[in-house]
Amino acid sequence: MRHNSLNVIGIAGLCALLAGCVGTSSTPTSRDQVPQAVWARVPASTPLDELLQGPDGCFWYLRYGPLETVWVPVRDEESIPVCDPPRERPDDM
């Protein structure tokens, strides 16, 4: 009986962990789906094959590393996140 309840707890924990990995945004499939003002702020070195807009309006790209693949925020040349609508810049800039 104890072994069975540990399996249930383990499966429930795994489901909760995987649920946190599910994205809620769609991936733009063409440049037409992203405003031109956004493209103008994106550095040319940013790989944009897989791009999505998060619920906060900021854009993220998929970076394939040697050990893991992660979503990374798209940042402009001044390291400000690229968002639509644009975020206000900090006063100290």
PDB file of N, CA and C in Angstrom:
ATOM      1  N   MET A   1       0.828  -1.190   0.000  1.00  0.00           N
ATOM      2  CA  MET A   1       0.000   0.000   0.000  1.00  0.00           C
ATOM      3  C   MET A   1       0.875   1.257   0.000  1.00  0.00           C
ATOM      4  N   ARG A   2       1.935   1.244   0.804  1.00  0.00           N
ATOM      5  CA  ARG A   2       2.824   2.398   0.907  1.00  0.00           C
ATOM      6  C   ARG A   2       3.500   2.661  -0.435  1.00  0.00           C
ATOM      7  N   HIS A   3       3.932   1.632  -1.105  1.00  0.00           N
ATOM      8  CA  HIS A   3       4.586   1.772  -2.401  1.00  0.00           C
ATOM      9  C   HIS A   3       3.659   2.431  -3.422  1.00  0.00           C
ATOM     10  N   ASN A   4       2.392   2.066  -3.404  1.00  0.00           N
ATOM     11  CA  ASN A   4       1.397   2.611  -4.325  1.00  0.00           C
ATOM     12  C   ASN A   4       1.170   4.096  -4.081  1.00  0.00           C
ATOM     13  N   SER A   5       1.108   4.527  -2.824  1.00  0.00           N
ATOM     14  CA  SER A   5       0.864   5.937  -2.524  1.00  0.00           C
ATOM     15  C   SER A   5       2.075   6.785  -2.909  1.00  0.00           C
ATOM     16  N   LEU A   6       3.296   6.244  -2.802  1.00  0.00           N
ATOM     17  CA  LEU A   6       4.483   6.975  -3.237  1.00  0.00           C
ATOM     18  C   LEU A   6       4.472   7.185  -4.750  1.00  0.00           C
ATOM     19  N   ASN A   7       4.002   6.209  -5.490  1.00  0.00           N
ATOM     20  CA  ASN A   7       3.893   6.356  -6.944  1.00  0.00           C
ATOM     21  C   ASN A   7       2.912   7.463  -7.312  1.00  0.00           C
ATOM     22  N   VAL A   8       1.789   7.512  -6.619  1.00  0.00           N
ATOM     23  CA  VAL A   8       0.776   8.533  -6.889  1.00  0.00           C
ATOM     24  C   VAL A   8       1.342   9.920  -6.602  1.00  0.00           C
ATOM     25  N   ILE A   9       2.054  10.061  -5.472  1.00  0.00           N
ATOM     26  CA  ILE A   9       2.657  11.350  -5.122  1.00  0.00           C
ATOM     27  C   ILE A   9       3.712  11.740  -6.152  1.00  0.00           C
ATOM     28  N   GLY A  10       4.526  10.782  -6.572  1.00  0.00           N
ATOM     29  CA  GLY A  10       5.557  11.059  -7.578  1.00  0.00           C
ATOM     30  C   GLY A  10       4.963  11.486  -8.906  1.00  0.00           C
ATOM     31  N   ILE A  11       3.924  10.822  -9.346  1.00  0.00           N
ATOM     32  CA  ILE A  11       3.275  11.172 -10.614  1.00  0.00           C
ATOM     33  C   ILE A  11       2.613  12.533 -10.514  1.00  0.00           C
ATOM     34  N   ALA A  12       1.977  12.825  -9.391  1.00  0.00           N
ATOM     35  CA  ALA A  12       1.340  14.133  -9.202  1.00  0.00           C
ATOM     36  C   ALA A  12       2.392  15.241  -9.220  1.00  0.00           C
ATOM     37  N   GLY A  13       3.520  15.010  -8.576  1.00  0.00           N
ATOM     38  CA  GLY A  13       4.597  15.999  -8.577  1.00  0.00           C
ATOM     39  C   GLY A  13       5.157  16.218  -9.969  1.00  0.00           C
ATOM     40  N   LEU A  14       5.328  15.152 -10.719  1.00  0.00           N
ATOM     41  CA  LEU A  14       5.827  15.261 -12.091  1.00  0.00           C
ATOM     42  C   LEU A  14       4.849  16.039 -12.971  1.00  0.00           C
ATOM     43  N   CYS A  15       3.572  15.788 -12.814  1.00  0.00           N
ATOM     44  CA  CYS A  15       2.561  16.525 -13.587  1.00  0.00           C
ATOM     45  C   CYS A  15       2.592  18.014 -13.253  1.00  0.00           C
ATOM     46  N   ALA A  16       2.737  18.341 -11.981  1.00  0.00           N
ATOM     47  CA  ALA A  16       2.802  19.748 -11.574  1.00  0.00           C
ATOM     48  C   ALA A  16       4.042  20.417 -12.148  1.00  0.00           C
ATOM     49  N   LEU A  17       5.155  19.707 -12.146  1.00  0.00           N
ATOM     50  CA  LEU A  17       6.396  20.245 -12.700  1.00  0.00           C
ATOM     51  C   LEU A  17       6.270  20.487 -14.201  1.00  0.00           C
ATOM     52  N   LEU A  18       5.720  19.542 -14.909  1.00  0.00           N
ATOM     53  CA  LEU A  18       5.565  19.689 -16.359  1.00  0.00           C
ATOM     54  C   LEU A  18       4.536  20.751 -16.716  1.00  0.00           C
ATOM     55  N   ALA A  19       3.537  20.943 -15.899  1.00  0.00           N
ATOM     56  CA  ALA A  19       2.521  21.966 -16.171  1.00  0.00           C
ATOM     57  C   ALA A  19       3.149  23.353 -16.169  1.00  0.00           C
ATOM     58  N   GLY A  20       4.179  23.557 -15.386  1.00  0.00           N
ATOM     59  CA  GLY A  20       4.871  24.838 -15.358  1.00  0.00           C
ATOM     60  C   GLY A  20       5.664  25.108 -16.613  1.00  0.00           C
ATOM     61  N   CYS A  21       5.914  24.097 -17.415  1.00  0.00           N
ATOM     62  CA  CYS A  21       6.700  24.247 -18.644  1.00  0.00           C
ATOM     63  C   CYS A  21       5.844  24.584 -19.860  1.00  0.00           C
ATOM     64  N   VAL A  22       4.556  24.511 -19.730  1.00  0.00           N
ATOM     65  CA  VAL A  22       3.667  24.736 -20.869  1.00  0.00           C
ATOM     66  C   VAL A  22       3.555  26.224 -21.151  1.00  0.00           C
ATOM     67  N   GLY A  23       3.817  26.638 -22.393  1.00  0.00           N
ATOM     68  CA  GLY A  23       3.697  28.035 -22.779  1.00  0.00           C
ATOM     69  C   GLY A  23       2.264  28.401 -23.073  1.00  0.00           C
ATOM     70  N   THR A  24       1.937  29.678 -22.880  1.00  0.00           N
ATOM     71  CA  THR A  24       0.573  30.117 -23.134  1.00  0.00           C
ATOM     72  C   THR A  24       0.484  31.005 -24.360  1.00  0.00           C
ATOM     73  N   SER A  25       1.624  31.339 -24.957  1.00  0.00           N
ATOM     74  CA  SER A  25       1.620  32.226 -26.111  1.00  0.00           C
ATOM     75  C   SER A  25       1.838  31.435 -27.382  1.00  0.00           C
ATOM     76  N   SER A  26       1.448  32.029 -28.480  1.00  0.00           N
ATOM     77  CA  SER A  26       1.686  31.382 -29.758  1.00  0.00           C
ATOM     78  C   SER A  26       2.978  31.919 -30.356  1.00  0.00           C
ATOM     79  N   THR A  27       3.593  31.145 -31.203  1.00  0.00           N
ATOM     80  CA  THR A  27       4.832  31.547 -31.849  1.00  0.00           C
ATOM     81  C   THR A  27       4.504  32.248 -33.149  1.00  0.00           C
ATOM     82  N   PRO A  28       4.949  33.498 -33.325  1.00  0.00           N
ATOM     83  CA  PRO A  28       4.743  34.149 -34.613  1.00  0.00           C
ATOM     84  C   PRO A  28       5.421  33.351 -35.718  1.00  0.00           C
ATOM     85  N   THR A  29       4.761  33.211 -36.838  1.00  0.00           N
ATOM     86  CA  THR A  29       5.323  32.412 -37.922  1.00  0.00           C
ATOM     87  C   THR A  29       5.912  33.264 -39.029  1.00  0.00           C
ATOM     88  N   SER A  30       5.656  34.554 -39.010  1.00  0.00           N
ATOM     89  CA  SER A  30       6.221  35.411 -40.042  1.00  0.00           C
ATOM     90  C   SER A  30       6.485  36.794 -39.476  1.00  0.00           C
ATOM     91  N   ARG A  31       7.290  37.550 -40.178  1.00  0.00           N
ATOM     92  CA  ARG A  31       7.597  38.920 -39.751  1.00  0.00           C
ATOM     93  C   ARG A  31       6.345  39.780 -39.725  1.00  0.00           C
ATOM     94  N   ASP A  32       5.330  39.427 -40.499  1.00  0.00           N
ATOM     95  CA  ASP A  32       4.099  40.215 -40.557  1.00  0.00           C
ATOM     96  C   ASP A  32       3.339  40.205 -39.233  1.00  0.00           C
ATOM     97  N   GLN A  33       3.572  39.194 -38.403  1.00  0.00           N
ATOM     98  CA  GLN A  33       2.850  39.091 -37.141  1.00  0.00           C
ATOM     99  C   GLN A  33       3.516  39.895 -36.027  1.00  0.00           C
ATOM    100  N   VAL A  34       4.703  40.409 -36.263  1.00  0.00           N
ATOM    101  CA  VAL A  34       5.434  41.193 -35.266  1.00  0.00           C
ATOM    102  C   VAL A  34       5.546  42.622 -35.784  1.00  0.00           C
ATOM    103  N   PRO A  35       5.183  43.616 -34.967  1.00  0.00           N
ATOM    104  CA  PRO A  35       5.245  45.008 -35.422  1.00  0.00           C
ATOM    105  C   PRO A  35       6.648  45.409 -35.893  1.00  0.00           C
ATOM    106  N   GLN A  36       6.707  46.240 -36.929  1.00  0.00           N
ATOM    107  CA  GLN A  36       7.978  46.698 -37.481  1.00  0.00           C
ATOM    108  C   GLN A  36       8.825  47.408 -36.424  1.00  0.00           C
ATOM    109  N   ALA A  37       8.207  48.130 -35.509  1.00  0.00           N
ATOM    110  CA  ALA A  37       8.950  48.820 -34.450  1.00  0.00           C
ATOM    111  C   ALA A  37       9.705  47.826 -33.570  1.00  0.00           C
ATOM    112  N   VAL A  38       9.168  46.626 -33.407  1.00  0.00           N
ATOM    113  CA  VAL A  38       9.852  45.590 -32.628  1.00  0.00           C
ATOM    114  C   VAL A  38      11.072  45.105 -33.392  1.00  0.00           C
ATOM    115  N   TRP A  39      10.902  44.798 -34.678  1.00  0.00           N
ATOM    116  CA  TRP A  39      12.032  44.305 -35.492  1.00  0.00           C
ATOM    117  C   TRP A  39      13.159  45.326 -35.537  1.00  0.00           C
ATOM    118  N   ALA A  40      12.829  46.604 -35.522  1.00  0.00           N
ATOM    119  CA  ALA A  40      13.856  47.643 -35.604  1.00  0.00           C
ATOM    120  C   ALA A  40      14.741  47.651 -34.356  1.00  0.00           C
ATOM    121  N   ARG A  41      14.239  47.174 -33.231  1.00  0.00           N
ATOM    122  CA  ARG A  41      15.011  47.180 -31.978  1.00  0.00           C
ATOM    123  C   ARG A  41      15.789  45.897 -31.732  1.00  0.00           C
ATOM    124  N   VAL A  42      15.521  44.850 -32.504  1.00  0.00           N
ATOM    125  CA  VAL A  42      16.163  43.555 -32.277  1.00  0.00           C
ATOM    126  C   VAL A  42      17.548  43.535 -32.923  1.00  0.00           C
ATOM    127  N   PRO A  43      18.611  43.228 -32.139  1.00  0.00           N
ATOM    128  CA  PRO A  43      19.950  43.132 -32.731  1.00  0.00           C
ATOM    129  C   PRO A  43      20.018  42.038 -33.795  1.00  0.00           C
ATOM    130  N   ALA A  44      20.817  42.253 -34.808  1.00  0.00           N
ATOM    131  CA  ALA A  44      20.937  41.305 -35.917  1.00  0.00           C
ATOM    132  C   ALA A  44      21.477  39.954 -35.464  1.00  0.00           C
ATOM    133  N   SER A  45      22.207  39.917 -34.365  1.00  0.00           N
ATOM    134  CA  SER A  45      22.806  38.663 -33.888  1.00  0.00           C
ATOM    135  C   SER A  45      21.817  37.763 -33.144  1.00  0.00           C
ATOM    136  N   THR A  46      20.602  38.239 -32.892  1.00  0.00           N
ATOM    137  CA  THR A  46      19.600  37.454 -32.164  1.00  0.00           C
ATOM    138  C   THR A  46      18.979  36.412 -33.083  1.00  0.00           C
ATOM    139  N   PRO A  47      19.063  35.120 -32.728  1.00  0.00           N
ATOM    140  CA  PRO A  47      18.430  34.086 -33.565  1.00  0.00           C
ATOM    141  C   PRO A  47      16.913  34.114 -33.386  1.00  0.00           C
ATOM    142  N   LEU A  48      16.212  34.385 -34.453  1.00  0.00           N
ATOM    143  CA  LEU A  48      14.762  34.571 -34.355  1.00  0.00           C
ATOM    144  C   LEU A  48      13.956  33.502 -35.092  1.00  0.00           C
ATOM    145  N   ASP A  49      14.535  32.307 -35.207  1.00  0.00           N
ATOM    146  CA  ASP A  49      13.786  31.223 -35.852  1.00  0.00           C
ATOM    147  C   ASP A  49      12.559  30.842 -35.050  1.00  0.00           C
ATOM    148  N   GLU A  50      12.679  30.866 -33.729  1.00  0.00           N
ATOM    149  CA  GLU A  50      11.558  30.535 -32.848  1.00  0.00           C
ATOM    150  C   GLU A  50      11.387  31.681 -31.867  1.00  0.00           C
ATOM    151  N   LEU A  51      10.336  32.435 -32.062  1.00  0.00           N
ATOM    152  CA  LEU A  51      10.079  33.646 -31.296  1.00  0.00           C
ATOM    153  C   LEU A  51       8.656  33.595 -30.766  1.00  0.00           C
ATOM    154  N   LEU A  52       8.480  34.062 -29.536  1.00  0.00           N
ATOM    155  CA  LEU A  52       7.119  34.159 -29.013  1.00  0.00           C
ATOM    156  C   LEU A  52       6.989  35.428 -28.190  1.00  0.00           C
ATOM    157  N   GLN A  53       5.751  35.868 -28.034  1.00  0.00           N
ATOM    158  CA  GLN A  53       5.454  37.027 -27.210  1.00  0.00           C
ATOM    159  C   GLN A  53       4.788  36.525 -25.946  1.00  0.00           C
ATOM    160  N   GLY A  54       5.389  36.864 -24.794  1.00  0.00           N
ATOM    161  CA  GLY A  54       4.861  36.422 -23.507  1.00  0.00           C
ATOM    162  C   GLY A  54       3.625  37.201 -23.107  1.00  0.00           C
ATOM    163  N   PRO A  55       2.969  36.772 -22.042  1.00  0.00           N
ATOM    164  CA  PRO A  55       1.762  37.446 -21.571  1.00  0.00           C
ATOM    165  C   PRO A  55       2.017  38.888 -21.136  1.00  0.00           C
ATOM    166  N   ASP A  56       3.285  39.210 -20.823  1.00  0.00           N
ATOM    167  CA  ASP A  56       3.636  40.579 -20.424  1.00  0.00           C
ATOM    168  C   ASP A  56       3.909  41.481 -21.619  1.00  0.00           C
ATOM    169  N   GLY A  57       3.836  40.934 -22.842  1.00  0.00           N
ATOM    170  CA  GLY A  57       4.066  41.713 -24.052  1.00  0.00           C
ATOM    171  C   GLY A  57       5.499  41.679 -24.536  1.00  0.00           C
ATOM    172  N   CYS A  58       6.403  41.080 -23.766  1.00  0.00           N
ATOM    173  CA  CYS A  58       7.811  41.026 -24.157  1.00  0.00           C
ATOM    174  C   CYS A  58       8.078  39.786 -25.006  1.00  0.00           C
ATOM    175  N   PHE A  59       9.066  39.907 -25.889  1.00  0.00           N
ATOM    176  CA  PHE A  59       9.399  38.828 -26.817  1.00  0.00           C
ATOM    177  C   PHE A  59      10.527  37.970 -26.266  1.00  0.00           C
ATOM    178  N   TRP A  60      10.487  36.688 -26.586  1.00  0.00           N
ATOM    179  CA  TRP A  60      11.461  35.693 -26.143  1.00  0.00           C
ATOM    180  C   TRP A  60      11.879  34.862 -27.346  1.00  0.00           C
ATOM    181  N   TYR A  61      13.129  34.389 -27.348  1.00  0.00           N
ATOM    182  CA  TYR A  61      13.580  33.482 -28.405  1.00  0.00           C
ATOM    183  C   TYR A  61      14.149  32.218 -27.782  1.00  0.00           C
ATOM    184  N   LEU A  62      14.145  31.148 -28.553  1.00  0.00           N
ATOM    185  CA  LEU A  62      14.613  29.858 -28.075  1.00  0.00           C
ATOM    186  C   LEU A  62      16.099  29.742 -28.362  1.00  0.00           C
ATOM    187  N   ARG A  63      16.895  29.579 -27.294  1.00  0.00           N
ATOM    188  CA  ARG A  63      18.343  29.439 -27.441  1.00  0.00           C
ATOM    189  C   ARG A  63      18.719  27.984 -27.170  1.00  0.00           C
ATOM    190  N   TYR A  64      19.401  27.393 -28.152  1.00  0.00           N
ATOM    191  CA  TYR A  64      19.857  26.016 -28.032  1.00  0.00           C
ATOM    192  C   TYR A  64      21.289  26.021 -27.519  1.00  0.00           C
ATOM    193  N   GLY A  65      21.497  25.578 -26.287  1.00  0.00           N
ATOM    194  CA  GLY A  65      22.826  25.522 -25.702  1.00  0.00           C
ATOM    195  C   GLY A  65      23.355  24.105 -25.721  1.00  0.00           C
ATOM    196  N   PRO A  66      24.607  23.918 -25.294  1.00  0.00           N
ATOM    197  CA  PRO A  66      25.194  22.575 -25.302  1.00  0.00           C
ATOM    198  C   PRO A  66      24.554  21.633 -24.279  1.00  0.00           C
ATOM    199  N   LEU A  67      23.985  22.193 -23.214  1.00  0.00           N
ATOM    200  CA  LEU A  67      23.387  21.348 -22.181  1.00  0.00           C
ATOM    201  C   LEU A  67      21.877  21.458 -22.082  1.00  0.00           C
ATOM    202  N   GLU A  68      21.338  22.610 -22.481  1.00  0.00           N
ATOM    203  CA  GLU A  68      19.899  22.799 -22.338  1.00  0.00           C
ATOM    204  C   GLU A  68      19.387  23.792 -23.379  1.00  0.00           C
ATOM    205  N   THR A  69      18.106  23.727 -23.610  1.00  0.00           N
ATOM    206  CA  THR A  69      17.428  24.658 -24.499  1.00  0.00           C
ATOM    207  C   THR A  69      16.510  25.500 -23.627  1.00  0.00           C
ATOM    208  N   VAL A  70      16.669  26.835 -23.715  1.00  0.00           N
ATOM    209  CA  VAL A  70      15.902  27.724 -22.838  1.00  0.00           C
ATOM    210  C   VAL A  70      15.341  28.901 -23.622  1.00  0.00           C
ATOM    211  N   TRP A  71      14.235  29.456 -23.117  1.00  0.00           N
ATOM    212  CA  TRP A  71      13.677  30.691 -23.658  1.00  0.00           C
ATOM    213  C   TRP A  71      14.423  31.856 -23.028  1.00  0.00           C
ATOM    214  N   VAL A  72      14.896  32.776 -23.870  1.00  0.00           N
ATOM    215  CA  VAL A  72      15.691  33.914 -23.433  1.00  0.00           C
ATOM    216  C   VAL A  72      14.993  35.188 -23.899  1.00  0.00           C
ATOM    217  N   PRO A  73      14.945  36.229 -23.045  1.00  0.00           N
ATOM    218  CA  PRO A  73      14.289  37.469 -23.481  1.00  0.00           C
ATOM    219  C   PRO A  73      15.071  38.145 -24.606  1.00  0.00           C
ATOM    220  N   VAL A  74      14.347  38.662 -25.580  1.00  0.00           N
ATOM    221  CA  VAL A  74      14.967  39.453 -26.647  1.00  0.00           C
ATOM    222  C   VAL A  74      15.269  40.818 -26.048  1.00  0.00           C
ATOM    223  N   ARG A  75      16.519  41.260 -26.172  1.00  0.00           N
ATOM    224  CA  ARG A  75      16.940  42.560 -25.638  1.00  0.00           C
ATOM    225  C   ARG A  75      17.549  43.384 -26.747  1.00  0.00           C
ATOM    226  N   ASP A  76      17.355  44.710 -26.653  1.00  0.00           N
ATOM    227  CA  ASP A  76      17.922  45.599 -27.667  1.00  0.00           C
ATOM    228  C   ASP A  76      19.402  45.841 -27.373  1.00  0.00           C
ATOM    229  N   GLU A  77      20.029  46.713 -28.132  1.00  0.00           N
ATOM    230  CA  GLU A  77      21.461  46.991 -27.989  1.00  0.00           C
ATOM    231  C   GLU A  77      21.815  47.553 -26.611  1.00  0.00           C
ATOM    232  N   GLU A  78      20.836  48.130 -25.904  1.00  0.00           N
ATOM    233  CA  GLU A  78      21.063  48.691 -24.573  1.00  0.00           C
ATOM    234  C   GLU A  78      20.624  47.728 -23.466  1.00  0.00           C
ATOM    235  N   SER A  79      20.369  46.471 -23.828  1.00  0.00           N
ATOM    236  CA  SER A  79      19.930  45.412 -22.903  1.00  0.00           C
ATOM    237  C   SER A  79      18.557  45.651 -22.296  1.00  0.00           C
ATOM    238  N   ILE A  80      17.732  46.435 -22.972  1.00  0.00           N
ATOM    239  CA  ILE A  80      16.349  46.655 -22.544  1.00  0.00           C
ATOM    240  C   ILE A  80      15.479  45.588 -23.219  1.00  0.00           C
ATOM    241  N   PRO A  81      14.591  44.903 -22.470  1.00  0.00           N
ATOM    242  CA  PRO A  81      13.719  43.905 -23.099  1.00  0.00           C
ATOM    243  C   PRO A  81      12.878  44.524 -24.225  1.00  0.00           C
ATOM    244  N   VAL A  82      12.741  43.774 -25.305  1.00  0.00           N
ATOM    245  CA  VAL A  82      11.944  44.223 -26.449  1.00  0.00           C
ATOM    246  C   VAL A  82      10.506  43.763 -26.212  1.00  0.00           C
ATOM    247  N   CYS A  83       9.600  44.741 -26.075  1.00  0.00           N
ATOM    248  CA  CYS A  83       8.201  44.450 -25.750  1.00  0.00           C
ATOM    249  C   CYS A  83       7.277  45.241 -26.673  1.00  0.00           C
ATOM    250  N   ASP A  84       6.044  44.795 -26.781  1.00  0.00           N
ATOM    251  CA  ASP A  84       5.026  45.510 -27.531  1.00  0.00           C
ATOM    252  C   ASP A  84       3.745  45.496 -26.694  1.00  0.00           C
ATOM    253  N   PRO A  85       3.321  46.613 -26.128  1.00  0.00           N
ATOM    254  CA  PRO A  85       3.867  47.957 -26.294  1.00  0.00           C
ATOM    255  C   PRO A  85       5.213  48.087 -25.585  1.00  0.00           C
ATOM    256  N   PRO A  86       6.060  49.018 -26.063  1.00  0.00           N
ATOM    257  CA  PRO A  86       7.381  49.190 -25.466  1.00  0.00           C
ATOM    258  C   PRO A  86       7.294  49.589 -23.999  1.00  0.00           C
ATOM    259  N   ARG A  87       8.245  49.100 -23.228  1.00  0.00           N
ATOM    260  CA  ARG A  87       8.327  49.503 -21.820  1.00  0.00           C
ATOM    261  C   ARG A  87       9.068  50.819 -21.720  1.00  0.00           C
ATOM    262  N   GLU A  88       8.751  51.554 -20.686  1.00  0.00           N
ATOM    263  CA  GLU A  88       9.468  52.814 -20.480  1.00  0.00           C
ATOM    264  C   GLU A  88      10.881  52.499 -20.023  1.00  0.00           C
ATOM    265  N   ARG A  89      11.809  53.317 -20.480  1.00  0.00           N
ATOM    266  CA  ARG A  89      13.214  53.131 -20.099  1.00  0.00           C
ATOM    267  C   ARG A  89      13.433  53.682 -18.691  1.00  0.00           C
ATOM    268  N   PRO A  90      14.351  53.048 -17.949  1.00  0.00           N
ATOM    269  CA  PRO A  90      14.649  53.570 -16.606  1.00  0.00           C
ATOM    270  C   PRO A  90      15.170  54.994 -16.672  1.00  0.00           C
ATOM    271  N   ASP A  91      14.935  55.770 -15.627  1.00  0.00           N
ATOM    272  CA  ASP A  91      15.340  57.179 -15.596  1.00  0.00           C
ATOM    273  C   ASP A  91      16.841  57.372 -15.637  1.00  0.00           C
ATOM    274  N   ASP A  92      17.605  56.381 -15.154  1.00  0.00           N
ATOM    275  CA  ASP A  92      19.038  56.557 -15.081  1.00  0.00           C
ATOM    276  C   ASP A  92      19.758  56.319 -16.406  1.00  0.00           C
ATOM    277  N   MET A  93      19.042  56.141 -17.492  1.00  0.00           N
ATOM    278  CA  MET A  93      19.704  55.898 -18.777  1.00  0.00           C
ATOM    279  C   MET A  93      19.934  57.173 -19.505  1.00  0.00           C
TER     280      MET A  93
END
